[in-house]
Amino acid sequence: MSHRINSLIFALVFLIVLQSTKFAFRILVPALVLYSAALMYYNFRYLKQHGFYTFWIWIRQLFFLAAIVSIYFVQPAGYIQDLYLVLMTLLIFLFELGINFASEQLSFLQTLLTYFGLSLGILAVNFYFLPRLVLTLAAITILTFMVARSSFGYVPQPPARKNYFSALLALSILELGWALSFLPFHFTALAVILFNAFYVIWIVIYYHLYNNLTPKKVYFHLVFSSLVVLLVFLSTPWK
């Protein structure tokens, strides 16, 4: 079968798995593990056959799946959750279809959704289960490095340079995450603030690696992100 048909099948199977097992968590978890394993095995073979395989390009889809599942469980049950699942199924199809070519728009969308979903999931676990702060900060740091590094998969720069900037971004987010831990905010508000910080630093690094960074781009993204963070501070109750 063609890659287009296989991508559609994987997207529809994801929808079926979540819709049919969402009320039975003990079934959903192993079903998602089996689904993810099958998808990653297929992607591994497909990328190898077409000469596009690197670990970081291959792993991106797994991060994205984990992110959208995290957002799915944070939402209240209802039609909004079902609509979200349909939209994410469409994105799985698009990202799977374009796994072997570099598209700036798809890369931006996948990276930002992935980071927001995973950071929201980590902070939700911290909020509901109260693990030690050091574990939460370590998870956020590792997450930031992995997502950033995988997003630079098609960037025409040496791996060492991409590793360096991914680590720099992760260290910056670690410091911010530690500072945010002192704020009496709901985990959703903290996730939005953390996401905006990632967005600004990541987009600056991305354009820098492509030698396409200008002051106007920095100002635009910085101002836009600052307005979003300000809105969060004004609209979030302090406990």
Protein backbone atom coordinates (compact mmCIF):
# COMPACT_ATOMS: atom_id res chain seq x y z
CA MET A 1 0.00 0.00 0.00
CA SER A 2 1.04 3.60 -0.54
CA HIS A 3 2.32 5.79 2.26
CA ARG A 4 -0.79 7.99 1.93
CA ILE A 5 -3.11 5.06 2.61
CA ASN A 6 -0.96 3.79 5.48
CA SER A 7 -0.94 7.27 7.04
CA LEU A 8 -4.73 7.41 6.82
CA ILE A 9 -5.06 3.96 8.39
CA PHE A 10 -2.79 4.88 11.32
CA ALA A 11 -4.75 8.09 11.89
CA LEU A 12 -8.10 6.31 11.89
CA VAL A 13 -6.82 3.54 14.16
CA PHE A 14 -5.71 6.19 16.66
CA LEU A 15 -9.23 7.64 16.66
CA ILE A 16 -10.79 4.21 17.12
CA VAL A 17 -8.41 3.24 19.95
CA LEU A 18 -9.15 6.34 22.01
CA GLN A 19 -12.88 6.38 21.36
CA SER A 20 -13.38 2.70 22.09
CA THR A 21 -11.23 2.44 25.22
CA LYS A 22 -11.42 5.89 26.87
CA PHE A 23 -13.63 4.58 29.69
CA ALA A 24 -11.36 1.61 30.41
CA PHE A 25 -7.94 2.98 31.36
CA ARG A 26 -6.45 -0.47 31.98
CA ILE A 27 -7.18 -1.27 28.31
CA LEU A 28 -6.34 2.15 26.87
CA VAL A 29 -2.75 2.24 28.10
CA PRO A 30 -1.59 -1.09 26.58
CA ALA A 31 -3.61 -0.33 23.43
CA LEU A 32 -1.79 2.98 23.01
CA VAL A 33 1.57 1.31 23.67
CA LEU A 34 0.91 -1.29 20.97
CA TYR A 35 -0.35 1.36 18.56
CA SER A 36 2.71 3.57 19.15
CA ALA A 37 5.07 0.63 18.70
CA ALA A 38 3.45 -0.31 15.39
CA LEU A 39 3.54 3.28 14.14
CA MET A 40 7.18 3.80 15.11
CA TYR A 41 8.20 0.51 13.52
CA TYR A 42 6.49 1.52 10.29
CA ASN A 43 8.10 4.97 10.36
CA PHE A 44 11.52 3.43 11.01
CA ARG A 45 11.24 1.20 7.95
CA TYR A 46 9.76 3.94 5.77
CA LEU A 47 12.43 6.53 6.65
CA LYS A 48 15.19 3.94 6.19
CA GLN A 49 13.89 2.95 2.76
CA HIS A 50 13.76 6.57 1.58
CA GLY A 51 17.08 7.64 3.10
CA PHE A 52 15.62 10.14 5.58
CA TYR A 53 16.17 8.26 8.81
CA THR A 54 17.75 9.95 11.81
CA PHE A 55 16.80 9.24 15.41
CA TRP A 56 15.49 12.78 15.93
CA ILE A 57 13.27 12.81 12.85
CA TRP A 58 11.97 9.34 13.70
CA ILE A 59 11.10 10.17 17.32
CA ARG A 60 9.08 13.33 16.57
CA GLN A 61 5.81 11.51 15.92
CA LEU A 62 6.05 9.62 19.22
CA PHE A 63 6.42 12.90 21.13
CA PHE A 64 3.44 14.31 19.28
CA LEU A 65 1.26 11.31 20.15
CA ALA A 66 2.18 11.63 23.82
CA ALA A 67 1.37 15.34 23.72
CA ILE A 68 -2.08 15.04 22.18
CA VAL A 69 -2.99 12.22 24.56
CA SER A 70 -1.90 14.44 27.48
CA ILE A 71 -4.13 17.29 26.31
CA TYR A 72 -6.97 14.82 25.69
CA PHE A 73 -7.00 13.60 29.29
CA VAL A 74 -6.74 17.09 30.78
CA GLN A 75 -9.94 18.15 29.02
CA PRO A 76 -13.39 17.51 30.55
CA ALA A 77 -15.39 14.78 28.82
CA GLY A 78 -17.89 16.00 26.24
CA TYR A 79 -18.30 17.12 22.67
CA ILE A 80 -15.29 19.45 22.86
CA GLN A 81 -13.09 16.50 23.73
CA ASP A 82 -14.55 14.53 20.80
CA LEU A 83 -14.02 17.45 18.40
CA TYR A 84 -10.45 17.80 19.63
CA LEU A 85 -9.84 14.12 18.97
CA VAL A 86 -11.12 14.42 15.40
CA LEU A 87 -8.86 17.42 14.73
CA MET A 88 -5.83 15.63 16.18
CA THR A 89 -6.58 12.59 14.03
CA LEU A 90 -6.39 14.85 10.99
CA LEU A 91 -3.06 16.24 12.18
CA ILE A 92 -1.67 12.74 12.74
CA PHE A 93 -2.51 11.99 9.12
CA LEU A 94 -0.85 15.20 7.87
CA PHE A 95 2.30 14.79 9.98
CA GLU A 96 2.60 11.13 9.07
CA LEU A 97 2.12 11.94 5.40
CA GLY A 98 4.88 14.56 5.53
CA ILE A 99 7.33 12.63 7.68
CA ASN A 100 9.95 12.40 4.93
CA PHE A 101 10.11 16.03 3.83
CA ALA A 102 10.81 19.32 5.54
CA SER A 103 7.82 21.67 5.76
CA GLU A 104 8.35 24.75 7.91
CA GLN A 105 4.63 25.20 8.60
CA LEU A 106 4.08 21.57 9.61
CA SER A 107 7.28 21.56 11.66
CA PHE A 108 6.25 24.70 13.54
CA LEU A 109 2.78 23.36 14.26
CA GLN A 110 3.98 19.93 15.35
CA THR A 111 6.74 21.32 17.58
CA LEU A 112 4.52 23.84 19.34
CA LEU A 113 1.63 21.42 19.88
CA THR A 114 4.05 18.79 21.10
CA TYR A 115 5.73 21.05 23.62
CA PHE A 116 2.50 22.51 24.95
CA GLY A 117 0.89 19.10 25.33
CA LEU A 118 3.85 17.48 27.05
CA SER A 119 4.50 20.41 29.39
CA LEU A 120 0.80 20.50 30.26
CA GLY A 121 0.91 16.78 31.00
CA ILE A 122 3.98 17.04 33.23
CA LEU A 123 2.54 19.95 35.20
CA ALA A 124 -0.81 18.17 35.51
CA VAL A 125 0.94 15.13 37.02
CA ASN A 126 2.75 17.47 39.42
CA PHE A 127 -0.57 19.15 40.34
CA TYR A 128 -2.64 16.02 40.92
CA PHE A 129 -0.06 13.59 42.28
CA LEU A 130 2.37 16.01 43.95
CA PRO A 131 5.73 14.44 43.02
CA ARG A 132 8.93 16.09 44.20
CA LEU A 133 9.71 19.37 42.47
CA VAL A 134 13.13 18.14 41.40
CA LEU A 135 11.50 15.33 39.41
CA THR A 136 9.13 17.75 37.67
CA LEU A 137 11.96 20.13 36.78
CA ALA A 138 14.09 17.25 35.51
CA ALA A 139 11.22 16.02 33.33
CA ILE A 140 10.63 19.51 31.91
CA THR A 141 14.34 19.94 31.17
CA ILE A 142 14.63 16.59 29.38
CA LEU A 143 11.40 17.25 27.52
CA THR A 144 12.60 20.65 26.34
CA PHE A 145 15.88 19.28 25.03
CA MET A 146 14.25 16.33 23.26
CA VAL A 147 11.48 18.35 21.60
CA ALA A 148 13.85 21.14 20.54
CA ARG A 149 16.45 18.74 19.22
CA SER A 150 13.91 16.72 17.25
CA SER A 151 12.50 19.94 15.76
CA PHE A 152 15.96 20.75 14.35
CA GLY A 153 16.14 17.42 12.53
CA TYR A 154 16.06 18.93 9.03
CA VAL A 155 18.04 22.08 9.88
CA PRO A 156 21.24 22.15 7.75
CA GLN A 157 23.65 22.53 10.67
CA PRO A 158 26.17 20.15 12.32
CA PRO A 159 24.64 17.92 15.03
CA ALA A 160 26.93 19.40 17.69
CA ARG A 161 25.59 22.88 16.98
CA LYS A 162 22.00 21.69 17.19
CA ASN A 163 22.76 19.83 20.43
CA TYR A 164 24.31 22.96 21.91
CA PHE A 165 21.34 25.21 21.21
CA SER A 166 18.87 22.54 22.37
CA ALA A 167 20.77 22.24 25.66
CA LEU A 168 20.87 26.03 26.00
CA LEU A 169 17.12 26.20 25.54
CA ALA A 170 16.58 23.40 28.04
CA LEU A 171 18.72 25.17 30.65
CA SER A 172 16.77 28.41 30.14
CA ILE A 173 13.45 26.62 30.61
CA LEU A 174 14.80 24.83 33.71
CA GLU A 175 15.55 28.17 35.35
CA LEU A 176 12.15 29.55 34.39
CA GLY A 177 10.38 26.39 35.57
CA TRP A 178 12.04 26.71 38.97
CA ALA A 179 10.91 30.35 39.22
CA LEU A 180 7.35 29.47 38.18
CA SER A 181 7.14 26.87 40.95
CA PHE A 182 6.80 29.74 43.44
CA LEU A 183 3.67 31.12 41.73
CA PRO A 184 0.29 30.04 43.20
CA PHE A 185 -1.17 29.41 39.73
CA HIS A 186 -3.18 26.55 38.30
CA PHE A 187 -1.07 24.13 36.23
CA THR A 188 -2.77 25.25 33.00
CA ALA A 189 -1.63 28.84 33.53
CA LEU A 190 1.90 27.69 34.33
CA ALA A 191 1.92 25.56 31.17
CA VAL A 192 0.89 28.55 29.03
CA ILE A 193 3.67 30.71 30.51
CA LEU A 194 6.25 27.97 30.08
CA PHE A 195 5.09 27.34 26.52
CA ASN A 196 5.40 31.01 25.60
CA ALA A 197 8.95 31.14 26.94
CA PHE A 198 9.83 28.05 24.92
CA TYR A 199 8.17 29.54 21.84
CA VAL A 200 10.18 32.77 21.91
CA ILE A 201 13.57 31.18 22.61
CA TRP A 202 12.97 28.29 20.20
CA ILE A 203 11.86 30.50 17.30
CA VAL A 204 14.88 32.79 17.76
CA ILE A 205 17.23 29.78 17.72
CA TYR A 206 15.42 28.30 14.72
CA TYR A 207 15.83 31.43 12.62
CA HIS A 208 19.41 31.83 13.83
CA LEU A 209 20.30 28.32 12.69
CA TYR A 210 18.89 29.15 9.27
CA ASN A 211 20.82 32.46 9.27
CA ASN A 212 17.49 34.24 8.84
CA LEU A 213 17.17 36.06 12.16
CA THR A 214 16.29 39.77 12.09
CA PRO A 215 15.49 42.28 14.86
CA LYS A 216 11.93 42.62 13.55
CA LYS A 217 11.30 38.91 13.98
CA VAL A 218 12.65 38.99 17.53
CA TYR A 219 10.52 42.01 18.46
CA PHE A 220 7.36 40.56 16.94
CA HIS A 221 7.56 37.20 18.70
CA LEU A 222 8.72 38.76 21.97
CA VAL A 223 5.88 41.29 22.03
CA PHE A 224 3.27 38.72 21.04
CA SER A 225 4.42 36.25 23.70
CA SER A 226 4.65 38.97 26.36
CA LEU A 227 1.05 40.01 25.71
CA VAL A 228 -0.13 36.41 26.12
CA VAL A 229 1.79 36.03 29.40
CA LEU A 230 0.44 39.37 30.65
CA LEU A 231 -3.09 38.20 29.84
CA VAL A 232 -2.47 35.04 31.85
CA PHE A 233 -1.27 37.03 34.85
CA LEU A 234 -4.30 39.32 34.69
CA SER A 235 -6.87 36.58 34.22
CA THR A 236 -5.53 33.89 36.57
CA PRO A 237 -6.66 34.06 40.23
CA TRP A 238 -3.91 33.99 42.83
CA LYS A 239 -4.48 31.32 45.44
